[in-house]
Structures are given as C-alpha cells and as structure tokens.
C-alpha cells in the first residue's frame, strides 16, 4: 500500500482528500501545517500533497525543505492560478499543481500519474541495464533512469533527471530558459519562470559537480542559456 502525506490547515479539505484517496486504496497520513508536513516526511512516504497557504510554514517553504529529505513527488494544492505562483511552486521543487476547487477525477488522476512516473521512471521499480549515456564519468542509465558519477549513484528528483536527460541527449545544443521550461513542464513560458530553471540547474550542479562554481558538465553560455559539451 502506498503512503500519501496530505498537509492542509483546513480539516475539512484534509478529510475530503483522505476519504477520496483511501477509497482508491492509499494509506493517508495527515499534517496540519507546513512544519508538521516537514516533520512527518520520511523514506516511507510515496507522495506529498501540500496546500500553499498554510500557517507556521507555507507550502512553498515546506516544499523546499521536503526536497532536502526525499525525491518523492510533490503535488501542490493552490487557490492561486497566476503564472508567477505556478513558477514559484516549480522553483520550490514541486512536480505538479492542482487548483482549488478540484474534482475527484482530477485529484485521483494527478495522484496516479505522479506515483506511476515516480515508481516506473524514478522510483523503486528499477531495472538493471547497461544502456545509457556516458559523459566523462557521468552515466545516465536510460532504462532504469539511474544517474551515477564515477559509479557512485546520484539521487535526483524526476524534474532534475528530465532536465539532465534532455540536455545530455542533445549535447552542444544551447538551451535557453524558455526552451527548458516549455520542454519539461509543457507550460507557456513567462519571464518570472526564469528563476525556476536557475534553481533546478543550481541543484543539479550541487549534486553532480565537485566544484559547482566551475561546472564540468552543465555549462552556462552567457546571455543564451545552458549546454552539456
């Protein structure tokens, strides 16, 4: 049984989500605010659902801290629909968002899609294979979606993996922030989304590079974007 953490300061919303997802066979753990969510996240949690507007710690802040603990998918629930809020959510490390009010079908389909992608492509159902891309000690196994540096596994979020794979499959191509955003999130690009790309590139460099200030893999092409040589 898959474990889903639901964080919302509105008890009625938590109950609705719990009843809907328990009827689909999921085990639900509840958190009353962002701080509570961060505390309750552990390796046994398969998916996190966060409301954005919460006391003590917002969904955005909780998302950032949760990303330090797990690569499990994060779904943000938001009453905000502005593009800048979506970009802020993606910058914080969420994988998808759902606007309130939402239907039973919308919620369940998003949850199932996130869990399926996590388990098959970036989760716990891994397949041994030698197929992949090799770049100066960096190995991307395109069958199991595992990444390693000099045979040491590197744990990436699904979004980080997708950005890395896209650039590695098109070496020497310069990707602008708009190219990357629209390719990965399938959303129209707005200038406020530029920070989203910067945050994910910074996180990738932190995980892949010995010296993130002088990157070996993901290079910055000033004024144009990023590329892998």
Protein backbone atom coordinates (compact mmCIF):
# COMPACT_ATOMS: atom_id res chain seq x y z
CA UNK A 1 0.00 0.00 0.00
CA UNK A 2 1.39 3.40 -0.98
CA UNK A 3 1.63 6.12 1.67
CA UNK A 4 0.48 9.67 0.89
CA UNK A 5 1.11 12.64 3.19
CA UNK A 6 -1.63 15.29 2.99
CA UNK A 7 -0.87 18.70 4.51
CA UNK A 8 -3.59 21.33 4.80
CA UNK A 9 -4.60 23.53 7.73
CA UNK A 10 -8.25 23.11 6.71
CA UNK A 11 -9.52 19.98 8.44
CA UNK A 12 -12.45 19.68 6.03
CA UNK A 13 -10.13 19.68 2.99
CA UNK A 14 -7.90 17.05 4.63
CA UNK A 15 -10.91 14.86 5.32
CA UNK A 16 -12.19 15.16 1.74
CA UNK A 17 -8.79 14.26 0.30
CA UNK A 18 -8.34 11.41 2.79
CA UNK A 19 -11.73 9.85 2.03
CA UNK A 20 -11.20 10.13 -1.74
CA UNK A 21 -7.72 8.62 -1.71
CA UNK A 22 -8.45 5.93 0.87
CA UNK A 23 -11.25 4.75 -1.43
CA UNK A 24 -8.53 4.22 -4.05
CA UNK A 25 -6.52 2.04 -1.66
CA UNK A 26 -3.93 4.57 -0.45
CA UNK A 27 -2.82 4.99 3.16
CA UNK A 28 -3.13 8.64 4.23
CA UNK A 29 -1.00 10.46 6.80
CA UNK A 30 -2.28 13.93 7.74
CA UNK A 31 -0.32 17.08 8.60
CA UNK A 32 -1.96 20.24 9.95
CA UNK A 33 0.54 22.76 8.55
CA UNK A 34 3.80 23.05 6.60
CA UNK A 35 6.03 22.49 9.60
CA UNK A 36 4.11 19.36 10.56
CA UNK A 37 4.50 18.09 6.99
CA UNK A 38 8.28 18.52 7.03
CA UNK A 39 8.50 16.62 10.31
CA UNK A 40 6.34 13.74 9.10
CA UNK A 41 8.11 13.16 5.78
CA UNK A 42 10.30 10.04 5.75
CA UNK A 43 11.51 7.34 3.36
CA UNK A 44 8.17 5.52 3.59
CA UNK A 45 6.18 8.41 2.09
CA UNK A 46 5.47 7.87 -1.61
CA UNK A 47 3.72 11.16 -2.41
CA UNK A 48 3.23 14.50 -0.66
CA UNK A 49 0.20 16.77 -1.19
CA UNK A 50 0.73 20.32 0.12
CA UNK A 51 -1.62 23.26 0.36
CA UNK A 52 0.20 26.51 -0.41
CA UNK A 53 -1.50 28.82 2.09
CA UNK A 54 -0.73 27.29 5.48
CA UNK A 55 0.22 28.80 8.84
CA UNK A 56 3.61 28.32 10.54
CA UNK A 57 5.22 27.36 7.23
CA UNK A 58 3.78 27.85 3.74
CA UNK A 59 3.56 25.08 1.16
CA UNK A 60 6.37 26.74 -0.79
CA UNK A 61 8.74 26.72 2.19
CA UNK A 62 7.71 23.22 3.22
CA UNK A 63 8.32 22.02 -0.33
CA UNK A 64 11.88 23.35 -0.32
CA UNK A 65 12.67 21.62 2.98
CA UNK A 66 10.97 18.37 1.98
CA UNK A 67 13.11 18.29 -1.19
CA UNK A 68 16.15 18.04 1.09
CA UNK A 69 14.71 14.82 2.56
CA UNK A 70 13.12 12.95 -0.35
CA UNK A 71 12.75 12.80 -4.13
CA UNK A 72 9.13 11.58 -3.82
CA UNK A 73 6.68 13.58 -5.96
CA UNK A 74 5.03 16.67 -4.51
CA UNK A 75 1.60 17.93 -5.58
CA UNK A 76 0.68 21.49 -4.59
CA UNK A 77 -2.93 22.43 -3.93
CA UNK A 78 -3.49 26.10 -4.67
CA UNK A 79 -6.28 28.62 -4.83
CA UNK A 80 -3.91 30.80 -6.82
CA UNK A 81 -3.80 30.45 -10.58
CA UNK A 82 -1.33 33.20 -11.52
CA UNK A 83 1.57 32.03 -13.64
CA UNK A 84 4.07 33.51 -11.16
CA UNK A 85 2.64 31.26 -8.43
CA UNK A 86 2.99 28.19 -10.64
CA UNK A 87 6.59 29.12 -11.36
CA UNK A 88 7.28 29.64 -7.66
CA UNK A 89 5.87 26.19 -6.96
CA UNK A 90 8.09 24.56 -9.57
CA UNK A 91 11.08 26.54 -8.24
CA UNK A 92 10.34 25.18 -4.78
CA UNK A 93 10.60 21.64 -6.09
CA UNK A 94 7.01 20.54 -6.66
CA UNK A 95 6.19 18.18 -9.53
CA UNK A 96 2.62 19.27 -10.27
CA UNK A 97 -0.11 21.59 -9.04
CA UNK A 98 -3.87 21.40 -8.77
CA UNK A 99 -6.12 24.44 -8.45
CA UNK A 100 -8.96 24.55 -5.94
CA UNK A 101 -11.75 23.66 -6.24
CA UNK A 102 -10.81 20.34 -7.82
CA UNK A 103 -12.89 17.32 -8.77
CA UNK A 104 -12.50 13.75 -7.56
CA UNK A 105 -11.38 12.72 -11.05
CA UNK A 106 -8.75 15.48 -11.28
CA UNK A 107 -7.21 14.65 -7.91
CA UNK A 108 -7.09 10.90 -8.44
CA UNK A 109 -5.70 11.19 -11.98
CA UNK A 110 -2.90 13.54 -10.86
CA UNK A 111 -2.02 11.31 -7.91
CA UNK A 112 -1.94 8.14 -10.02
CA UNK A 113 0.12 9.82 -12.75
CA UNK A 114 2.71 11.13 -10.28
CA UNK A 115 3.03 7.80 -8.50
CA UNK A 116 3.27 5.88 -11.76
CA UNK A 117 6.02 8.14 -13.08
CA UNK A 118 7.87 8.00 -9.75
CA UNK A 119 7.81 4.23 -9.44
CA UNK A 120 8.41 3.33 -13.07
CA UNK A 121 10.82 6.07 -14.06
CA UNK A 122 12.38 7.47 -10.92
CA UNK A 123 11.25 5.32 -8.04
CA UNK A 124 11.70 1.91 -6.59
CA UNK A 125 10.94 -0.37 -9.54
CA UNK A 126 14.37 -0.26 -11.16
CA UNK A 127 15.71 -2.41 -13.94
CA UNK A 128 19.34 -3.41 -14.35
CA UNK A 129 20.72 -2.35 -17.69
CA UNK A 130 23.90 -1.12 -19.30
CA UNK A 131 22.04 1.09 -21.75
CA UNK A 132 22.67 4.77 -21.28
CA UNK A 133 24.63 7.93 -21.90
CA UNK A 134 28.21 8.36 -20.71
CA UNK A 135 29.86 11.77 -20.41
CA UNK A 136 33.26 11.91 -18.70
CA UNK A 137 32.32 9.80 -15.68
CA UNK A 138 28.67 10.83 -15.70
CA UNK A 139 26.41 7.88 -16.57
CA UNK A 140 22.69 8.15 -17.28
CA UNK A 141 21.00 4.74 -17.46
CA UNK A 142 18.05 5.42 -19.76
CA UNK A 143 16.36 2.13 -18.88
CA UNK A 144 16.34 2.37 -15.09
CA UNK A 145 16.75 6.18 -15.07
CA UNK A 146 19.61 5.95 -12.60
CA UNK A 147 22.39 8.53 -12.64
CA UNK A 148 25.89 7.99 -11.34
CA UNK A 149 29.20 9.83 -11.17
CA UNK A 150 32.24 7.54 -11.30
CA UNK A 151 29.94 4.62 -10.39
CA UNK A 152 28.52 6.44 -7.35
CA UNK A 153 24.73 6.82 -7.56
CA UNK A 154 23.35 10.36 -7.59
CA UNK A 155 19.79 10.84 -6.34
CA UNK A 156 17.83 13.30 -8.48
CA UNK A 157 14.22 14.38 -8.47
CA UNK A 158 12.21 13.43 -11.54
CA UNK A 159 12.36 17.02 -12.84
CA UNK A 160 16.12 17.24 -12.35
CA UNK A 161 16.52 13.94 -14.19
CA UNK A 162 14.36 15.10 -17.11
CA UNK A 163 16.38 18.32 -17.48
CA UNK A 164 19.67 16.44 -17.37
CA UNK A 165 18.50 13.78 -19.83
CA UNK A 166 17.17 16.35 -22.31
CA UNK A 167 20.47 18.23 -22.35
CA UNK A 168 22.57 15.05 -22.46
CA UNK A 169 20.59 13.75 -25.44
CA UNK A 170 21.34 16.99 -27.30
CA UNK A 171 24.95 17.67 -26.40
CA UNK A 172 26.39 21.03 -27.51
CA UNK A 173 22.88 22.42 -28.11
CA UNK A 174 22.30 25.63 -26.15
CA UNK A 175 19.02 25.51 -24.23
CA UNK A 176 17.52 28.83 -23.21
CA UNK A 177 15.46 29.06 -20.04
CA UNK A 178 12.37 29.16 -22.24
CA UNK A 179 13.46 26.03 -24.15
CA UNK A 180 13.95 24.08 -20.94
CA UNK A 181 10.81 25.29 -19.20
CA UNK A 182 8.46 24.59 -22.09
CA UNK A 183 10.09 21.22 -22.82
CA UNK A 184 9.95 19.94 -19.25
CA UNK A 185 6.78 21.47 -17.81
CA UNK A 186 4.76 21.69 -21.04
CA UNK A 187 3.62 25.14 -19.88
CA UNK A 188 3.83 28.51 -21.66
CA UNK A 189 6.96 30.36 -20.56
CA UNK A 190 6.80 33.65 -18.67
CA UNK A 191 9.78 35.75 -17.60
CA UNK A 192 9.03 35.01 -13.95
CA UNK A 193 9.73 31.33 -14.74
CA UNK A 194 13.42 32.05 -15.37
CA UNK A 195 14.17 31.58 -11.68
CA UNK A 196 12.61 28.11 -11.85
CA UNK A 197 15.26 26.99 -14.34
CA UNK A 198 18.08 28.66 -12.40
CA UNK A 199 17.08 26.84 -9.22
CA UNK A 200 17.00 23.43 -10.91
CA UNK A 201 20.32 23.99 -12.70
CA UNK A 202 21.87 25.05 -9.39
CA UNK A 203 20.53 21.94 -7.67
CA UNK A 204 21.80 19.71 -10.48
CA UNK A 205 25.26 21.23 -10.26
CA UNK A 206 25.29 20.81 -6.50
CA UNK A 207 24.60 17.09 -6.93
CA UNK A 208 26.77 16.41 -9.99
CA UNK A 209 29.78 18.68 -9.67
CA UNK A 210 32.78 18.54 -7.37
CA UNK A 211 33.04 22.31 -7.82
CA UNK A 212 29.59 23.75 -8.71
CA UNK A 213 31.16 27.17 -9.30
CA UNK A 214 33.28 25.68 -12.10
CA UNK A 215 30.94 23.09 -13.60
CA UNK A 216 32.31 20.19 -15.60
CA UNK A 217 29.03 19.08 -17.13
CA UNK A 218 26.34 21.77 -17.37
CA UNK A 219 27.96 24.88 -18.80
CA UNK A 220 26.50 28.38 -18.82
CA UNK A 221 26.51 30.14 -22.18
CA UNK A 222 26.24 33.75 -21.05
CA UNK A 223 23.21 35.55 -22.38
CA UNK A 224 21.91 32.42 -24.11
CA UNK A 225 21.36 29.54 -21.71
CA UNK A 226 22.93 26.21 -20.81
CA UNK A 227 24.50 23.23 -22.57
CA UNK A 228 26.36 19.99 -21.98
CA UNK A 229 29.57 19.79 -24.03
